[in-house]
Amino acid sequence: MCIISGAWTMLRACWVYLGDIMGERDYQKYVQYLERHHPCAPVPTEREYWRMRWAEQDLNPKGRCC
């Protein structure tokens, strides 16, 4: 039982890590940041957030070859 529990823990940690690399929780982190540092600012929808983020990356590419 202990080996299975350890394997699930490792698998879950890998899944969270891969999700962080892919930006899975970026919107939630951004909303938390806005609530903490800019409580009066309007919170964009998740769709608006990703559009803003992609537009920013297109205007200011960093660490990309193309």
N, C-alpha and C. Protein backbone atom coordinates (compact mmCIF):
# COMPACT_ATOMS: atom_id res chain seq x y z
N MET A 1 0.82 -1.19 0.00
CA MET A 1 0.00 0.00 0.00
C MET A 1 0.86 1.26 0.00
N CYS A 2 1.95 1.26 0.72
CA CYS A 2 2.79 2.44 0.83
C CYS A 2 3.43 2.79 -0.52
N ILE A 3 3.81 1.78 -1.29
CA ILE A 3 4.41 2.01 -2.60
C ILE A 3 3.39 2.65 -3.54
N ILE A 4 2.16 2.17 -3.50
CA ILE A 4 1.11 2.72 -4.37
C ILE A 4 0.82 4.16 -3.99
N SER A 5 0.76 4.42 -2.69
CA SER A 5 0.51 5.78 -2.22
C SER A 5 1.63 6.72 -2.67
N GLY A 6 2.87 6.26 -2.56
CA GLY A 6 4.00 7.07 -2.99
C GLY A 6 3.99 7.31 -4.49
N ALA A 7 3.58 6.31 -5.24
CA ALA A 7 3.51 6.45 -6.70
C ALA A 7 2.44 7.47 -7.09
N TRP A 8 1.29 7.43 -6.42
CA TRP A 8 0.24 8.41 -6.72
C TRP A 8 0.68 9.82 -6.36
N THR A 9 1.39 9.94 -5.24
CA THR A 9 1.88 11.25 -4.83
C THR A 9 2.86 11.79 -5.86
N MET A 10 3.74 10.95 -6.35
CA MET A 10 4.72 11.36 -7.36
C MET A 10 4.02 11.72 -8.67
N LEU A 11 3.04 10.92 -9.07
CA LEU A 11 2.29 11.19 -10.29
C LEU A 11 1.54 12.51 -10.20
N ARG A 12 0.93 12.76 -9.06
CA ARG A 12 0.20 14.01 -8.85
C ARG A 12 1.15 15.20 -8.90
N ALA A 13 2.32 15.08 -8.29
CA ALA A 13 3.31 16.16 -8.31
C ALA A 13 3.78 16.43 -9.74
N CYS A 14 3.99 15.39 -10.51
CA CYS A 14 4.39 15.56 -11.92
C CYS A 14 3.29 16.24 -12.71
N TRP A 15 2.05 15.86 -12.45
CA TRP A 15 0.92 16.47 -13.17
C TRP A 15 0.82 17.96 -12.86
N VAL A 16 0.99 18.34 -11.60
CA VAL A 16 0.95 19.75 -11.21
C VAL A 16 2.11 20.50 -11.86
N TYR A 17 3.28 19.90 -11.86
CA TYR A 17 4.46 20.52 -12.47
C TYR A 17 4.24 20.76 -13.97
N LEU A 18 3.75 19.77 -14.66
CA LEU A 18 3.48 19.92 -16.09
C LEU A 18 2.40 20.98 -16.33
N GLY A 19 1.40 21.00 -15.49
CA GLY A 19 0.36 22.02 -15.61
C GLY A 19 0.92 23.42 -15.43
N ASP A 20 1.85 23.58 -14.49
CA ASP A 20 2.49 24.89 -14.28
C ASP A 20 3.33 25.29 -15.49
N ILE A 21 4.01 24.34 -16.09
CA ILE A 21 4.81 24.65 -17.28
C ILE A 21 3.89 25.10 -18.41
N MET A 22 2.75 24.48 -18.55
CA MET A 22 1.83 24.80 -19.64
C MET A 22 0.98 26.03 -19.34
N GLY A 23 1.03 26.54 -18.11
CA GLY A 23 0.28 27.74 -17.76
C GLY A 23 -1.15 27.47 -17.33
N GLU A 24 -1.39 26.27 -16.86
CA GLU A 24 -2.75 25.87 -16.50
C GLU A 24 -3.36 26.74 -15.40
N ARG A 25 -2.56 27.15 -14.43
CA ARG A 25 -3.08 27.92 -13.29
C ARG A 25 -2.76 29.41 -13.39
N ASP A 26 -2.30 29.87 -14.53
CA ASP A 26 -1.89 31.27 -14.66
C ASP A 26 -3.06 32.24 -14.45
N TYR A 27 -4.22 31.90 -14.97
CA TYR A 27 -5.37 32.79 -14.82
C TYR A 27 -5.74 32.92 -13.34
N GLN A 28 -5.78 31.81 -12.61
CA GLN A 28 -6.12 31.87 -11.19
C GLN A 28 -5.11 32.70 -10.42
N LYS A 29 -3.84 32.55 -10.76
CA LYS A 29 -2.79 33.34 -10.09
C LYS A 29 -2.97 34.83 -10.41
N TYR A 30 -3.33 35.15 -11.65
CA TYR A 30 -3.53 36.54 -12.05
C TYR A 30 -4.71 37.15 -11.29
N VAL A 31 -5.80 36.41 -11.17
CA VAL A 31 -6.97 36.90 -10.44
C VAL A 31 -6.61 37.14 -8.97
N GLN A 32 -5.87 36.24 -8.36
CA GLN A 32 -5.43 36.43 -6.98
C GLN A 32 -4.55 37.66 -6.85
N TYR A 33 -3.65 37.86 -7.82
CA TYR A 33 -2.78 39.04 -7.82
C TYR A 33 -3.62 40.32 -7.89
N LEU A 34 -4.59 40.35 -8.81
CA LEU A 34 -5.44 41.54 -8.93
C LEU A 34 -6.21 41.81 -7.65
N GLU A 35 -6.75 40.77 -7.04
CA GLU A 35 -7.52 40.95 -5.81
C GLU A 35 -6.65 41.48 -4.68
N ARG A 36 -5.40 41.04 -4.61
CA ARG A 36 -4.49 41.48 -3.55
C ARG A 36 -3.96 42.89 -3.79
N HIS A 37 -3.50 43.16 -5.00
CA HIS A 37 -2.76 44.39 -5.26
C HIS A 37 -3.60 45.48 -5.93
N HIS A 38 -4.66 45.12 -6.61
CA HIS A 38 -5.50 46.09 -7.31
C HIS A 38 -6.98 45.72 -7.10
N PRO A 39 -7.48 45.88 -5.88
CA PRO A 39 -8.84 45.40 -5.59
C PRO A 39 -9.94 46.12 -6.36
N CYS A 40 -9.69 47.32 -6.84
CA CYS A 40 -10.73 48.05 -7.58
C CYS A 40 -10.69 47.80 -9.08
N ALA A 41 -9.65 47.13 -9.55
CA ALA A 41 -9.51 46.87 -10.98
C ALA A 41 -10.50 45.80 -11.42
N PRO A 42 -11.07 45.95 -12.61
CA PRO A 42 -11.98 44.92 -13.11
C PRO A 42 -11.22 43.63 -13.42
N VAL A 43 -11.83 42.52 -13.10
CA VAL A 43 -11.21 41.21 -13.35
C VAL A 43 -11.66 40.72 -14.72
N PRO A 44 -10.72 40.49 -15.64
CA PRO A 44 -11.11 40.01 -16.96
C PRO A 44 -11.58 38.56 -16.89
N THR A 45 -12.36 38.18 -17.88
CA THR A 45 -12.73 36.78 -17.98
C THR A 45 -11.49 35.98 -18.37
N GLU A 46 -11.57 34.67 -18.24
CA GLU A 46 -10.41 33.85 -18.60
C GLU A 46 -10.08 34.00 -20.09
N ARG A 47 -11.08 34.10 -20.90
CA ARG A 47 -10.86 34.29 -22.34
C ARG A 47 -10.15 35.62 -22.61
N GLU A 48 -10.59 36.69 -21.96
CA GLU A 48 -9.94 38.00 -22.12
C GLU A 48 -8.50 37.96 -21.63
N TYR A 49 -8.27 37.26 -20.51
CA TYR A 49 -6.92 37.15 -19.97
C TYR A 49 -5.98 36.52 -20.98
N TRP A 50 -6.40 35.39 -21.57
CA TRP A 50 -5.52 34.71 -22.52
C TRP A 50 -5.30 35.54 -23.77
N ARG A 51 -6.30 36.27 -24.22
CA ARG A 51 -6.12 37.15 -25.37
C ARG A 51 -5.10 38.25 -25.06
N MET A 52 -5.21 38.84 -23.87
CA MET A 52 -4.24 39.87 -23.46
C MET A 52 -2.83 39.28 -23.37
N ARG A 53 -2.75 38.12 -22.79
CA ARG A 53 -1.44 37.50 -22.62
C ARG A 53 -0.79 37.16 -23.96
N TRP A 54 -1.54 36.59 -24.88
CA TRP A 54 -0.99 36.24 -26.19
C TRP A 54 -0.63 37.49 -26.98
N ALA A 55 -1.44 38.54 -26.87
CA ALA A 55 -1.13 39.79 -27.57
C ALA A 55 0.17 40.38 -27.02
N GLU A 56 0.35 40.33 -25.70
CA GLU A 56 1.59 40.82 -25.08
C GLU A 56 2.80 40.02 -25.56
N GLN A 57 2.66 38.72 -25.65
CA GLN A 57 3.77 37.89 -26.12
C GLN A 57 4.10 38.15 -27.58
N ASP A 58 3.09 38.44 -28.38
CA ASP A 58 3.34 38.74 -29.78
C ASP A 58 4.06 40.08 -29.93
N LEU A 59 3.70 41.05 -29.10
CA LEU A 59 4.34 42.37 -29.18
C LEU A 59 5.75 42.36 -28.60
N ASN A 60 5.98 41.56 -27.56
CA ASN A 60 7.28 41.53 -26.87
C ASN A 60 7.77 40.10 -26.73
N PRO A 61 8.23 39.49 -27.81
CA PRO A 61 8.71 38.09 -27.70
C PRO A 61 9.99 38.02 -26.87
N LYS A 62 10.04 36.99 -26.03
CA LYS A 62 11.19 36.79 -25.15
C LYS A 62 11.58 35.31 -25.20
N GLY A 63 12.82 35.05 -25.43
CA GLY A 63 13.32 33.68 -25.38
C GLY A 63 12.79 32.78 -26.47
N ARG A 64 12.38 33.37 -27.60
CA ARG A 64 11.91 32.55 -28.71
C ARG A 64 12.80 32.79 -29.91
N CYS A 65 12.94 31.81 -30.73
CA CYS A 65 13.78 31.97 -31.90
C CYS A 65 13.04 32.62 -33.07
N CYS A 66 11.70 32.52 -33.08
CA CYS A 66 10.95 33.03 -34.24
C CYS A 66 9.93 34.06 -33.82
